[in-house]
Amino acid sequence: MRKIKITAIIATVLCLSGSGCKESFLDEVPLDRFSPENLLVDEAGFETAVVALYQAAREEHTLGGVNFDYMNLGTDVAVWGRPDSRGFKDYTLLNSQFDAVNTYWDWAYRNMIRQSNLILDNINKPNVTLSPAAKASFSGQAKFFRAYAYNILATLYGGVPIVESQISEPKFDFQRSTKLEVLQFVRKDLEEAAVDLPAVTNESNGRIYKAAANHLLSEVYLSLGMETGDVTFYDKSIAAATTVISGAAGKYQLMTQRFGDLTRPGDVFSDLFWTNQQNRASGNLEVIWAWQFESFTLGGGTGTTAGINGGNNHLRLWAMEYDRIRTPNAVANISSDSLQRGIGVLIPTNYFKYDIWKLDPKDMRNSSYNIRREFYYDNPADPQYFGKKILTKKDAQGRLVVALENGTLTTQILDTARMYYPWIRKIDGLAYNNDVTAGRTSNDIIVMRLAETYLLRAEAYFRKGDKTLAAADLNTIRTRARAKLITAQDVTVDFILDERARELIIEEPRRRTLARMGVLYDRVRKYNPASAGTIKPNNALWPLPLKVIDSNTGFKLDQNPGYN
C-alpha cells in the first residue's frame, strides 16, 4: 500500500481537476501533465486516478472532524458524551443545514462519484492503452466506489440525483431518482464490478477485489428485498455472501487461532485489530477491505478534512478522558503507549456495555483483551499508587467515587459520561507518528471482514424465512467467540442486531445499519435515553442539504418529509 499512499498527492490534483468547466468557444489544448486528457491514457495514469478514490474513501473516517462519529452517535450503541445537545443528543437539531447532512453529501458527490465518473468516462477512449485485465480492474474499482457512495446516499437520504457521467458545465436542474432507482443503479455497478474485479491475492493490502463487491452486493440485495417486498432478492443476497464465504472470490477465513505478535497478551479476536495486523501480509485472512494508515509516510494518513493531522481517529473519539483521573494524592494520570488520550465524546450505551453480554458474559468479545473494565494509575510521579488498580465505590447519592484500599471514599467523583466507562480495545494501537497525546493510532481501519459477511447471510436467511440456516451462520460467529450457541427459535431482528453489536462495534456504521433495517427510531427510543425524547420516525432519513435545494433553480427538489 506504500504506492497508494505516496501517489495520493498527485491523485488529489487529478481529483480536483476532474470537474473543470470549459467555455465552448475556446479551443483548449491540455498542457498540464496531470490533466485527464494527458494522464488517463495508460496504466500509470489510471492507477493514479484510482488511488484518488482510495484516498477519498478513507476521508470518510474524518467527515465528522475532530469530535464526531456521525455514523454511531445517537444510535443504540453510542451517546454524545458532552453536556451540550450536539452529536444527535437532540434530534430536533437535525435539519437541512446540519453539518453532517452537508458533509456526507459533498463527500459522496464531489470526491467519490465525480472521481469514479472521471475514470469510467475516459477508460474506453481510443487513445487509452490498457491490457484487458488492467482495464477490467480499473473499471471494476471505479464502479465499486461509485456504488459504495450511492449506497450510502440512498441509506441516509433516500432518493437522490443519479449522476453517472462527468459534468462539464454548470447544471441547475438535477432531479431526484427514487430510493429504489438508486439501489438498482448501485446493484448494476456492483454486479459488473463483481465480474470485472480479480480475486484476492496475498499482495492486496487495502485493495478492492471481487469479494468486496460481493460483500456489498449482499447488503444491497437485502435493501432491495425490503424496499420491493420481492423475496428473491434474499436469495441473491445469500448467493453473493456465499461467493465470499465459499472461497469463490479468493481465500478468506474466520481467524480462529492467534496470529501476529504473540508476545502481546490477547486472544484471536483482539489480534484482528492490533497495529499492523489488519491485512493479509500479517496472516489476517478475515479482512476484506481496510483503510490504510502509516506513520511517518507521505499519504499515510488523512489530512484534508477539518484540520485532521492524520491517523486513525477512533481512540480519540471513543476513549474516556483517562488523564483527568487523579490518584488519592491528586496526581493526574498521563497519556501513555497503552492508554493514549481520549476525549470522551462517543460513550457506549448501557445496551452495549452491559445488556448484550447477559446472554453469555464469557463471550470472548467481552474478555478483558477486548473490553477494558478495570483501570490502573499510570503516573510514576506518584510512586504510592503507580501501577495500582483504581478502586471505586458508590456514595450515598449513587455517584461513582474514587476509593482508598480500606474502602474510604475520596472527594474525587468520576464522571461516567466522559472519564470512566468500559474501554473498547479495538481502538488500542501504536500512536500515529509516535504522538500519544493526539489520540490517534496508525491502525488500519477495517471496513469489511468475513464475520460481517456471515451476519449479512444470516439476515438474508432470516428474512427468507429460514431460521435454521440463519442460526447456523450466527453460530459460526459465536463459536469463534466461544459463546453460547443459539437455536433457530432465538433468531430475530433484535438478535441479529445484538450479534452485530457484539462483533462489529466501532467497525460498522451503526446508523446506516439501523436505517437500512428500518429500526433506527425504535432502537434509539429503546436503548439511547439521551436521544429517545427528541428522535422522530422521519429522522430515519436525513434532509437534503438546503444549499442543494436552493441552488437547483431549474427544477424543484422536494425535501424529505418532516424537514423544512
Protein backbone atom coordinates (compact mmCIF):
# COMPACT_ATOMS: atom_id res chain seq x y z
CA MET A 1 0.00 0.00 0.00
CA ARG A 2 3.01 2.34 0.14
CA LYS A 3 2.48 3.06 -3.57
CA ILE A 4 -1.14 4.00 -2.94
CA LYS A 5 -0.16 6.34 -0.11
CA ILE A 6 2.67 8.12 -1.89
CA THR A 7 0.63 8.63 -5.03
CA ALA A 8 -2.10 10.36 -3.04
CA ILE A 9 -0.71 13.87 -3.57
CA ILE A 10 -0.78 13.56 -7.36
CA ALA A 11 -4.16 11.89 -7.12
CA THR A 12 -5.57 14.84 -5.23
CA VAL A 13 -4.52 17.17 -8.04
CA LEU A 14 -6.28 14.93 -10.54
CA CYS A 15 -9.40 14.70 -8.40
CA LEU A 16 -9.65 18.45 -8.15
CA SER A 17 -9.17 18.88 -11.87
CA GLY A 18 -11.86 16.39 -12.81
CA SER A 19 -14.80 18.79 -12.99
CA GLY A 20 -13.40 21.90 -14.59
CA CYS A 21 -15.83 23.78 -16.83
CA LYS A 22 -14.85 24.88 -20.34
CA GLU A 23 -16.17 27.71 -22.47
CA SER A 24 -17.41 26.18 -25.71
CA PHE A 25 -15.72 28.81 -27.89
CA LEU A 26 -12.24 28.06 -26.55
CA ASP A 27 -10.11 25.50 -28.30
CA GLU A 28 -8.18 24.29 -25.29
CA VAL A 29 -5.04 22.21 -25.53
CA PRO A 30 -4.33 20.50 -22.19
CA LEU A 31 -0.73 21.32 -21.33
CA ASP A 32 -0.82 20.14 -17.71
CA ARG A 33 0.58 16.62 -17.49
CA PHE A 34 -1.91 15.92 -14.69
CA SER A 35 -4.95 16.85 -16.79
CA PRO A 36 -7.25 13.89 -17.54
CA GLU A 37 -6.50 14.13 -21.26
CA ASN A 38 -2.79 13.62 -20.66
CA LEU A 39 -2.86 11.39 -17.61
CA LEU A 40 -5.65 8.93 -18.36
CA VAL A 41 -4.03 7.20 -21.30
CA ASP A 42 -2.09 4.30 -19.75
CA GLU A 43 -1.87 2.08 -16.70
CA ALA A 44 0.21 4.51 -14.66
CA GLY A 45 -2.28 7.30 -15.25
CA PHE A 46 -5.34 5.24 -14.34
CA GLU A 47 -3.55 3.91 -11.28
CA THR A 48 -3.06 7.49 -10.11
CA ALA A 49 -6.74 8.23 -10.69
CA VAL A 50 -7.86 5.12 -8.82
CA VAL A 51 -5.58 5.98 -5.90
CA ALA A 52 -7.55 9.22 -5.55
CA LEU A 53 -10.63 7.09 -4.92
CA TYR A 54 -8.91 5.14 -2.17
CA GLN A 55 -7.83 8.40 -0.61
CA ALA A 56 -11.34 9.84 -0.89
CA ALA A 57 -12.89 6.70 0.61
CA ARG A 58 -10.54 6.89 3.59
CA GLU A 59 -11.55 10.51 4.15
CA GLU A 60 -14.97 9.18 5.17
CA HIS A 61 -13.30 8.44 8.51
CA THR A 62 -12.84 12.15 9.24
CA LEU A 63 -16.07 13.59 7.88
CA GLY A 64 -17.04 14.32 11.48
CA GLY A 65 -13.90 16.37 12.06
CA VAL A 66 -12.02 16.01 15.32
CA ASN A 67 -15.04 15.45 17.57
CA PHE A 68 -17.75 13.41 15.86
CA ASP A 69 -18.54 9.96 14.51
CA TYR A 70 -21.91 10.63 12.93
CA MET A 71 -22.49 7.02 11.96
CA ASN A 72 -22.55 5.87 15.59
CA LEU A 73 -23.60 8.86 17.67
CA GLY A 74 -27.28 8.99 18.55
CA THR A 75 -27.84 5.29 17.81
CA ASP A 76 -28.43 2.33 20.11
CA VAL A 77 -24.69 1.84 20.75
CA ALA A 78 -23.29 5.32 21.43
CA VAL A 79 -24.34 8.58 23.02
CA TRP A 80 -22.76 12.05 22.85
CA GLY A 81 -20.52 12.48 25.89
CA ARG A 82 -20.67 16.23 26.34
CA PRO A 83 -23.28 18.18 28.33
CA ASP A 84 -24.49 20.09 25.24
CA SER A 85 -27.03 18.85 22.69
CA ARG A 86 -24.77 18.13 19.72
CA GLY A 87 -23.91 14.67 18.42
CA PHE A 88 -27.55 13.66 17.83
CA LYS A 89 -28.33 14.02 21.53
CA ASP A 90 -31.09 16.38 20.40
CA TYR A 91 -32.58 15.21 17.10
CA THR A 92 -34.51 18.47 16.67
CA LEU A 93 -31.15 19.96 15.63
CA LEU A 94 -31.09 17.67 12.59
CA ASN A 95 -32.07 19.99 9.75
CA SER A 96 -31.07 20.83 6.19
CA GLN A 97 -28.10 22.90 7.39
CA PHE A 98 -26.77 20.34 9.87
CA ASP A 99 -23.04 19.77 9.42
CA ALA A 100 -23.20 16.03 8.74
CA VAL A 101 -26.02 16.48 6.22
CA ASN A 102 -23.83 18.73 4.10
CA THR A 103 -20.54 16.94 4.69
CA TYR A 104 -21.66 13.47 3.62
CA TRP A 105 -23.47 14.82 0.56
CA ASP A 106 -20.44 16.80 -0.59
CA TRP A 107 -18.04 13.94 0.05
CA ALA A 108 -20.15 11.48 -1.94
CA TYR A 109 -20.73 13.69 -4.98
CA ARG A 110 -17.55 15.78 -5.11
CA ASN A 111 -15.00 13.20 -4.06
CA MET A 112 -16.31 9.72 -4.74
CA ILE A 113 -18.83 9.91 -7.57
CA ARG A 114 -17.06 12.60 -9.57
CA GLN A 115 -13.74 10.75 -9.48
CA SER A 116 -15.38 7.44 -10.37
CA ASN A 117 -17.12 9.05 -13.34
CA LEU A 118 -13.85 10.61 -14.46
CA ILE A 119 -12.28 7.16 -14.70
CA LEU A 120 -15.26 5.47 -16.32
CA ASP A 121 -15.77 8.24 -18.89
CA ASN A 122 -12.16 8.01 -20.04
CA ILE A 123 -11.38 4.32 -19.86
CA ASN A 124 -12.92 3.43 -23.24
CA LYS A 125 -11.40 6.26 -25.25
CA PRO A 126 -9.45 5.16 -28.35
CA ASN A 127 -6.14 6.66 -27.19
CA VAL A 128 -6.10 4.58 -23.98
CA THR A 129 -3.56 1.75 -23.91
CA LEU A 130 -4.58 -0.77 -21.27
CA SER A 131 -4.45 -4.54 -21.21
CA PRO A 132 -7.86 -6.20 -20.91
CA ALA A 133 -7.07 -7.26 -17.34
CA ALA A 134 -5.98 -3.77 -16.29
CA LYS A 135 -8.99 -2.19 -17.96
CA ALA A 136 -11.36 -4.56 -16.17
CA SER A 137 -9.66 -3.96 -12.83
CA PHE A 138 -9.72 -0.16 -13.06
CA SER A 139 -13.31 -0.19 -14.28
CA GLY A 140 -14.33 -2.56 -11.50
CA GLN A 141 -12.70 -0.44 -8.82
CA ALA A 142 -14.34 2.75 -10.10
CA LYS A 143 -17.77 1.10 -10.27
CA PHE A 144 -17.33 -0.31 -6.78
CA PHE A 145 -16.53 3.08 -5.27
CA ARG A 146 -19.36 4.78 -7.15
CA ALA A 147 -21.76 2.13 -5.87
CA TYR A 148 -20.34 2.43 -2.37
CA ALA A 149 -21.07 6.18 -2.35
CA TYR A 150 -24.56 5.88 -3.84
CA ASN A 151 -25.47 3.14 -1.36
CA ILE A 152 -24.56 5.49 1.48
CA LEU A 153 -26.59 8.30 -0.10
CA ALA A 154 -29.63 6.06 -0.55
CA THR A 155 -29.43 4.87 3.04
CA LEU A 156 -29.00 8.34 4.55
CA TYR A 157 -31.17 10.48 2.24
CA GLY A 158 -33.41 8.08 0.32
CA GLY A 159 -33.83 9.06 -3.33
CA VAL A 160 -31.07 11.30 -4.70
CA PRO A 161 -29.99 12.52 -8.15
CA ILE A 162 -28.06 9.91 -10.12
CA VAL A 163 -25.04 11.39 -11.87
CA GLU A 164 -23.42 8.69 -13.99
CA SER A 165 -21.03 10.75 -16.11
CA GLN A 166 -18.87 13.83 -15.79
CA ILE A 167 -20.50 17.25 -15.74
CA SER A 168 -18.52 19.75 -17.80
CA GLU A 169 -20.71 22.81 -17.38
CA PRO A 170 -22.97 24.26 -14.66
CA LYS A 171 -26.19 22.33 -14.15
CA PHE A 172 -29.18 23.62 -12.20
CA ASP A 173 -31.91 21.07 -12.96
CA PHE A 174 -30.95 17.90 -11.10
CA GLN A 175 -33.86 15.56 -10.40
CA ARG A 176 -34.20 13.07 -7.59
CA SER A 177 -34.41 9.43 -8.51
CA THR A 178 -36.37 7.22 -6.14
CA LYS A 179 -34.55 5.22 -3.49
CA LEU A 180 -35.38 2.07 -5.44
CA GLU A 181 -33.88 3.52 -8.62
CA VAL A 182 -30.71 4.46 -6.75
CA LEU A 183 -30.43 0.98 -5.25
CA GLN A 184 -30.92 -0.59 -8.69
CA PHE A 185 -28.16 1.65 -10.04
CA VAL A 186 -25.91 0.52 -7.19
CA ARG A 187 -26.82 -3.08 -7.90
CA LYS A 188 -25.85 -2.78 -11.56
CA ASP A 189 -22.48 -1.19 -10.75
CA LEU A 190 -21.69 -3.85 -8.17
CA GLU A 191 -22.77 -6.77 -10.34
CA GLU A 192 -20.46 -5.52 -13.09
CA ALA A 193 -17.66 -4.83 -10.60
CA ALA A 194 -18.00 -8.35 -9.20
CA VAL A 195 -17.32 -9.70 -12.70
CA ASP A 196 -14.52 -7.28 -13.58
CA LEU A 197 -12.54 -7.34 -10.34
CA PRO A 198 -9.97 -10.10 -9.86
CA ALA A 199 -9.91 -12.47 -6.91
CA VAL A 200 -7.82 -11.52 -3.91
CA THR A 201 -4.07 -12.02 -3.83
CA ASN A 202 -1.67 -12.05 -0.91
CA GLU A 203 -0.32 -8.66 -2.02
CA SER A 204 -3.69 -6.96 -1.72
CA ASN A 205 -3.43 -4.79 1.38
CA GLY A 206 -6.13 -2.14 1.12
CA ARG A 207 -7.14 -3.01 -2.44
CA ILE A 208 -10.69 -3.66 -3.59
CA TYR A 209 -11.17 -7.14 -5.03
CA LYS A 210 -14.05 -9.36 -6.09
CA ALA A 211 -15.01 -10.22 -2.51
CA ALA A 212 -15.64 -6.57 -1.58
CA ALA A 213 -18.12 -6.18 -4.43
CA ASN A 214 -19.95 -9.36 -3.45
CA HIS A 215 -19.99 -8.41 0.24
CA LEU A 216 -21.59 -5.05 -0.55
CA LEU A 217 -23.92 -6.71 -3.06
CA SER A 218 -25.19 -8.97 -0.29
CA GLU A 219 -26.15 -5.87 1.72
CA VAL A 220 -27.70 -4.08 -1.27
CA TYR A 221 -29.82 -7.11 -2.17
CA LEU A 222 -31.14 -7.05 1.40
CA SER A 223 -32.09 -3.40 0.93
CA LEU A 224 -33.78 -4.20 -2.38
CA GLY A 225 -35.72 -7.03 -0.81
CA MET A 226 -37.03 -4.77 1.92
CA GLU A 227 -37.74 -1.91 -0.49
CA THR A 228 -39.66 -4.02 -3.01
CA GLY A 229 -41.03 -6.91 -0.97
CA ASP A 230 -39.52 -9.27 -3.55
CA VAL A 231 -38.11 -12.18 -1.54
CA THR A 232 -35.98 -13.39 -4.45
CA PHE A 233 -33.55 -10.62 -3.55
CA TYR A 234 -32.80 -12.53 -0.35
CA ASP A 235 -31.69 -15.50 -2.43
CA LYS A 236 -29.42 -13.15 -4.36
CA SER A 237 -28.06 -11.79 -1.07
CA ILE A 238 -27.33 -15.32 0.11
CA ALA A 239 -25.59 -16.16 -3.17
CA ALA A 240 -23.41 -13.03 -3.07
CA ALA A 241 -22.35 -13.71 0.51
CA THR A 242 -21.72 -17.36 -0.28
CA THR A 243 -19.38 -16.34 -3.11
CA VAL A 244 -17.15 -14.76 -0.47
CA ILE A 245 -17.60 -17.38 2.26
CA SER A 246 -17.03 -20.35 -0.06
CA GLY A 247 -13.73 -19.03 -1.39
CA ALA A 248 -15.01 -18.42 -4.92
CA ALA A 249 -13.73 -14.82 -4.67
CA GLY A 250 -10.38 -15.83 -3.17
CA LYS A 251 -9.24 -17.32 0.09
CA TYR A 252 -10.88 -15.79 3.16
CA GLN A 253 -11.49 -17.39 6.52
CA LEU A 254 -12.55 -16.55 10.03
CA MET A 255 -9.42 -16.37 12.14
CA THR A 256 -9.74 -18.97 14.88
CA GLN A 257 -6.14 -19.18 16.11
CA ARG A 258 -3.95 -16.40 17.44
CA PHE A 259 -1.67 -14.72 14.89
CA GLY A 260 0.67 -11.77 14.56
CA ASP A 261 2.51 -10.55 17.65
CA LEU A 262 2.10 -13.48 20.03
CA THR A 263 4.21 -11.80 22.72
CA ARG A 264 1.32 -9.40 23.31
CA PRO A 265 -1.31 -10.74 25.75
CA GLY A 266 -4.59 -11.28 23.94
CA ASP A 267 -6.90 -13.65 22.12
CA VAL A 268 -7.68 -14.23 18.47
CA PHE A 269 -10.41 -11.57 18.43
CA SER A 270 -8.07 -8.91 19.79
CA ASP A 271 -5.41 -9.98 17.27
CA LEU A 272 -7.70 -8.88 14.43
CA PHE A 273 -7.42 -5.23 15.42
CA TRP A 274 -3.87 -4.71 16.64
CA THR A 275 -1.49 -2.41 14.76
CA ASN A 276 -0.14 -3.93 11.53
CA GLN A 277 -2.41 -6.97 11.83
CA GLN A 278 -5.40 -5.87 9.75
CA ASN A 279 -4.00 -7.03 6.40
CA ARG A 280 -3.21 -10.31 4.70
CA ALA A 281 0.52 -9.71 4.98
CA SER A 282 0.17 -10.28 8.74
CA GLY A 283 -1.71 -13.53 8.21
CA ASN A 284 -5.16 -11.99 8.67
CA LEU A 285 -7.34 -13.74 6.10
CA GLU A 286 -10.60 -12.40 7.53
CA VAL A 287 -10.40 -8.78 6.41
CA ILE A 288 -11.90 -7.98 3.01
CA TRP A 289 -11.15 -4.25 2.91
CA ALA A 290 -9.31 -1.92 5.27
CA TRP A 291 -8.43 1.77 5.02
CA GLN A 292 -4.67 2.07 5.21
CA PHE A 293 -2.69 4.27 7.63
CA GLU A 294 1.06 4.51 8.08
CA SER A 295 3.06 6.71 10.43
CA PHE A 296 5.77 8.98 9.01
CA THR A 297 4.71 8.16 5.44
CA LEU A 298 3.64 10.58 2.73
CA GLY A 299 -0.04 9.92 2.12
CA GLY A 300 -0.16 7.61 5.14
CA GLY A 301 -2.90 9.47 6.97
CA THR A 302 -5.88 11.69 6.50
CA GLY A 303 -5.15 15.37 6.35
CA THR A 304 -7.55 17.28 4.13
CA THR A 305 -10.69 17.34 6.26
CA ALA A 306 -11.43 19.66 9.18
CA GLY A 307 -7.81 20.14 10.14
CA ILE A 308 -7.21 16.49 10.96
CA ASN A 309 -3.47 15.88 11.10
CA GLY A 310 -3.54 12.23 10.22
CA GLY A 311 -4.08 8.78 11.62
CA ASN A 312 -6.89 6.60 12.84
CA ASN A 313 -9.15 8.81 14.97
CA HIS A 314 -11.10 6.08 16.78
CA LEU A 315 -9.14 6.19 20.02
CA ARG A 316 -9.55 9.94 20.36
CA LEU A 317 -13.32 9.70 19.89
CA TRP A 318 -14.21 6.52 21.80
CA ALA A 319 -11.73 6.53 24.70
CA MET A 320 -12.52 8.16 28.01
CA GLU A 321 -10.64 11.18 29.35
CA TYR A 322 -8.30 8.97 31.32
CA ASP A 323 -5.85 11.77 32.07
CA ARG A 324 -8.48 13.59 34.15
CA ILE A 325 -8.46 10.83 36.77
CA ARG A 326 -6.22 11.59 39.75
CA THR A 327 -4.70 9.41 42.43
CA PRO A 328 -5.83 9.94 46.03
CA ASN A 329 -2.73 12.13 46.25
CA ALA A 330 -4.17 14.35 43.48
CA VAL A 331 -1.62 13.31 40.82
CA ALA A 332 -3.21 13.07 37.37
CA ASN A 333 -2.88 10.07 35.08
CA ILE A 334 -0.91 10.58 31.90
CA SER A 335 -1.34 9.65 28.26
CA SER A 336 0.92 6.69 27.52
CA ASP A 337 1.53 3.99 24.95
CA SER A 338 -1.11 1.72 26.48
CA LEU A 339 -3.64 4.41 27.41
CA GLN A 340 -3.49 7.26 24.95
CA ARG A 341 -5.52 10.44 25.06
CA GLY A 342 -9.26 10.13 24.59
CA ILE A 343 -11.74 12.98 24.67
CA GLY A 344 -14.82 11.03 25.74
CA VAL A 345 -17.29 12.09 23.07
CA LEU A 346 -18.63 8.67 22.00
CA ILE A 347 -19.86 6.88 25.08
CA PRO A 348 -21.13 3.30 24.72
CA THR A 349 -24.74 2.96 25.83
CA ASN A 350 -25.72 0.62 28.66
CA TYR A 351 -27.16 -1.59 25.93
CA PHE A 352 -23.64 -2.19 24.64
CA LYS A 353 -21.77 -2.00 27.94
CA TYR A 354 -23.98 -4.46 29.79
CA ASP A 355 -27.19 -5.70 28.16
CA ILE A 356 -25.85 -7.64 25.19
CA TRP A 357 -23.36 -9.58 27.34
CA LYS A 358 -26.01 -11.01 29.68
CA LEU A 359 -26.60 -13.92 27.29
CA ASP A 360 -23.03 -15.11 27.87
CA PRO A 361 -20.65 -12.99 29.98
CA LYS A 362 -17.79 -15.31 28.99
CA ASP A 363 -18.14 -14.40 25.30
CA MET A 364 -14.57 -13.78 24.07
CA ARG A 365 -15.60 -10.40 22.68
CA ASN A 366 -16.34 -9.35 26.28
CA SER A 367 -12.96 -10.50 27.59
CA SER A 368 -10.51 -8.10 29.21
CA TYR A 369 -8.47 -8.25 26.00
CA ASN A 370 -11.37 -6.73 24.09
CA ILE A 371 -13.18 -4.53 26.63
CA ARG A 372 -11.16 -2.95 29.41
CA ARG A 373 -13.29 -2.60 32.54
CA GLU A 374 -10.51 -2.21 35.12
CA PHE A 375 -8.05 0.66 35.14
CA TYR A 376 -4.78 1.49 36.87
CA TYR A 377 -2.92 4.59 37.94
CA ASP A 378 -0.16 5.13 35.40
CA ASN A 379 1.80 8.19 36.55
CA PRO A 380 5.18 7.31 38.12
CA ALA A 381 5.18 10.76 39.72
CA ASP A 382 3.04 9.17 42.44
CA PRO A 383 5.00 6.05 43.46
CA GLN A 384 2.46 5.21 46.19
CA TYR A 385 -0.23 4.46 43.61
CA PHE A 386 1.68 3.92 40.37
CA GLY A 387 0.54 0.62 38.81
CA LYS A 388 -2.24 0.07 41.33
CA LYS A 389 -5.84 -0.58 40.37
CA ILE A 390 -8.24 2.36 40.52
CA LEU A 391 -10.76 1.46 43.21
CA THR A 392 -14.27 2.89 43.12
CA LYS A 393 -17.43 2.86 45.22
CA LYS A 394 -20.84 4.48 45.06
CA ASP A 395 -21.53 7.30 47.52
CA ALA A 396 -24.85 7.97 49.25
CA GLN A 397 -26.09 9.87 46.20
CA GLY A 398 -25.25 6.96 43.88
CA ARG A 399 -22.26 8.71 42.32
CA LEU A 400 -19.11 6.76 41.43
CA VAL A 401 -16.23 7.93 43.62
CA VAL A 402 -12.53 7.01 43.82
CA ALA A 403 -11.91 4.94 46.95
CA LEU A 404 -8.93 4.08 49.10
CA GLU A 405 -7.79 0.50 49.68
CA ASN A 406 -9.58 0.47 53.05
CA GLY A 407 -12.84 1.46 51.35
CA THR A 408 -12.82 5.08 52.43
CA LEU A 409 -14.25 7.40 49.80
CA THR A 410 -12.17 10.25 48.45
CA THR A 411 -13.64 13.52 47.23
CA GLN A 412 -12.99 12.64 43.56
CA ILE A 413 -16.27 11.98 41.77
CA LEU A 414 -15.84 10.14 38.46
CA ASP A 415 -17.82 11.44 35.51
CA THR A 416 -19.06 8.17 34.00
CA ALA A 417 -20.13 10.03 30.87
CA ARG A 418 -16.59 11.13 29.97
CA MET A 419 -13.98 9.97 32.47
CA TYR A 420 -14.74 6.40 33.46
CA TYR A 421 -16.51 3.75 31.40
CA PRO A 422 -15.62 0.47 29.64
CA TRP A 423 -12.91 0.94 27.01
CA ILE A 424 -13.47 -0.96 23.76
CA ARG A 425 -9.99 -2.20 22.90
CA LYS A 426 -10.42 -2.30 19.14
CA ILE A 427 -9.19 1.30 19.38
CA ASP A 428 -5.86 0.33 21.01
CA GLY A 429 -2.76 0.61 18.87
CA LEU A 430 0.58 2.27 18.35
CA ALA A 431 0.39 6.05 18.36
CA TYR A 432 0.29 7.73 14.96
CA ASN A 433 3.66 9.43 14.39
CA ASN A 434 4.53 8.40 17.97
CA ASP A 435 2.31 11.14 19.43
CA VAL A 436 0.43 9.61 22.40
CA THR A 437 -1.27 12.93 23.22
CA ALA A 438 -3.16 13.23 19.91
CA GLY A 439 -5.39 10.22 20.48
CA ARG A 440 -4.70 8.74 17.06
CA THR A 441 -3.15 5.43 16.06
CA SER A 442 -1.60 4.02 12.92
CA ASN A 443 -4.06 1.12 12.91
CA ASP A 444 -5.63 0.38 9.56
CA ILE A 445 -9.43 0.65 9.81
CA ILE A 446 -11.38 -2.46 8.91
CA VAL A 447 -14.32 -1.62 6.64
CA MET A 448 -15.36 -5.14 5.64
CA ARG A 449 -14.48 -8.53 7.06
CA LEU A 450 -15.77 -12.05 6.67
CA ALA A 451 -17.56 -12.12 10.02
CA GLU A 452 -19.94 -9.46 8.71
CA THR A 453 -20.44 -11.44 5.51
CA TYR A 454 -21.75 -14.28 7.68
CA LEU A 455 -24.00 -11.81 9.50
CA LEU A 456 -25.39 -10.49 6.22
CA ARG A 457 -26.11 -14.01 5.03
CA ALA A 458 -27.74 -14.84 8.36
CA GLU A 459 -30.02 -11.83 7.94
CA ALA A 460 -30.89 -12.89 4.39
CA TYR A 461 -31.75 -16.42 5.55
CA PHE A 462 -33.89 -14.95 8.33
CA ARG A 463 -35.78 -12.61 6.00
CA LYS A 464 -36.31 -15.50 3.61
CA GLY A 465 -37.84 -17.47 6.47
CA ASP A 466 -35.05 -20.00 7.05
CA LYS A 467 -34.19 -19.51 10.72
CA THR A 468 -32.25 -22.78 10.88
CA LEU A 469 -29.61 -21.65 8.40
CA ALA A 470 -29.65 -18.17 9.91
CA ALA A 471 -28.83 -19.68 13.30
CA ALA A 472 -26.07 -21.77 11.72
CA ASP A 473 -24.33 -18.66 10.37
CA LEU A 474 -24.76 -16.82 13.66
CA ASN A 475 -23.33 -19.82 15.50
CA THR A 476 -20.30 -19.82 13.22
CA ILE A 477 -19.52 -16.36 14.57
CA ARG A 478 -20.38 -17.31 18.14
CA THR A 479 -18.25 -20.46 18.00
CA ARG A 480 -15.16 -18.39 17.24
CA ALA A 481 -16.09 -16.19 20.22
CA ARG A 482 -16.54 -19.31 22.42
CA ALA A 483 -20.02 -18.06 23.19
CA LYS A 484 -23.17 -19.99 24.00
CA LEU A 485 -24.76 -21.35 20.83
CA ILE A 486 -28.31 -20.46 19.86
CA THR A 487 -31.24 -22.26 18.24
CA ALA A 488 -33.45 -21.29 15.30
CA GLN A 489 -36.09 -20.05 17.73
CA ASP A 490 -33.65 -17.45 19.07
CA VAL A 491 -33.21 -15.71 15.71
CA THR A 492 -34.97 -12.35 15.47
CA VAL A 493 -34.12 -8.96 14.01
CA ASP A 494 -33.14 -7.85 17.51
CA PHE A 495 -30.84 -10.82 17.99
CA ILE A 496 -29.13 -10.18 14.66
CA LEU A 497 -28.59 -6.56 15.69
CA ASP A 498 -27.28 -7.66 19.09
CA GLU A 499 -24.83 -10.00 17.41
CA ARG A 500 -23.72 -7.27 15.02
CA ALA A 501 -23.06 -5.02 18.03
CA ARG A 502 -21.06 -7.71 19.82
CA GLU A 503 -18.99 -8.44 16.73
CA LEU A 504 -18.81 -5.12 14.88
CA ILE A 505 -18.93 -2.31 17.44
CA ILE A 506 -16.99 0.71 16.10
CA GLU A 507 -16.37 -1.07 12.78
CA GLU A 508 -19.91 -0.88 11.42
CA PRO A 509 -21.64 2.42 10.60
CA ARG A 510 -24.44 1.58 13.03
CA ARG A 511 -26.71 4.43 11.88
CA ARG A 512 -26.73 3.06 8.35
CA THR A 513 -27.37 -0.48 9.57
CA LEU A 514 -30.36 0.60 11.66
CA ALA A 515 -31.71 2.83 8.88
CA ARG A 516 -31.29 0.07 6.29
CA MET A 517 -33.19 -2.35 8.51
CA GLY A 518 -35.92 0.18 9.29
CA VAL A 519 -35.41 0.19 13.06
CA LEU A 520 -33.43 3.36 13.84
CA TYR A 521 -36.33 5.11 15.57
CA ASP A 522 -37.39 2.11 17.64
CA ARG A 523 -33.85 1.18 18.71
CA VAL A 524 -32.90 4.71 19.73
CA ARG A 525 -36.12 5.07 21.70
CA LYS A 526 -35.40 1.80 23.49
CA TYR A 527 -31.66 1.97 24.11
CA ASN A 528 -30.49 5.59 23.97
CA PRO A 529 -32.19 7.60 26.73
CA ALA A 530 -30.26 10.75 25.83
CA SER A 531 -31.79 10.86 22.33
CA ALA A 532 -35.05 8.99 22.92
CA GLY A 533 -37.11 12.06 23.71
CA THR A 534 -36.33 14.00 20.55
CA ILE A 535 -35.98 11.46 17.75
CA LYS A 536 -38.92 11.23 15.34
CA PRO A 537 -39.73 8.48 12.80
CA ASN A 538 -38.80 10.79 9.91
CA ASN A 539 -35.25 11.08 11.28
CA ALA A 540 -34.55 7.67 9.76
CA LEU A 541 -33.69 9.73 6.67
CA TRP A 542 -31.63 12.89 6.70
CA PRO A 543 -32.90 16.02 4.95
CA LEU A 544 -31.38 17.10 1.67
CA PRO A 545 -28.93 19.98 2.19
CA LEU A 546 -30.66 23.34 1.89
CA LYS A 547 -27.88 24.67 -0.33
CA VAL A 548 -28.56 21.86 -2.82
CA ILE A 549 -32.27 22.66 -2.99
CA ASP A 550 -31.71 26.41 -3.25
CA SER A 551 -29.06 26.18 -5.97
CA ASN A 552 -31.10 23.79 -8.14
CA THR A 553 -33.07 26.65 -9.70
CA GLY A 554 -34.06 24.78 -12.87
CA PHE A 555 -36.07 22.08 -11.12
CA LYS A 556 -37.73 21.89 -7.71
CA LEU A 557 -36.14 19.29 -5.47
CA ASP A 558 -38.61 18.06 -2.87
CA GLN A 559 -37.36 17.90 0.70
CA ASN A 560 -37.71 14.71 2.72
CA PRO A 561 -40.87 14.62 4.89
CA GLY A 562 -40.64 16.33 8.26
CA TYR A 563 -37.95 18.82 7.30
CA ASN A 564 -38.19 22.41 6.09
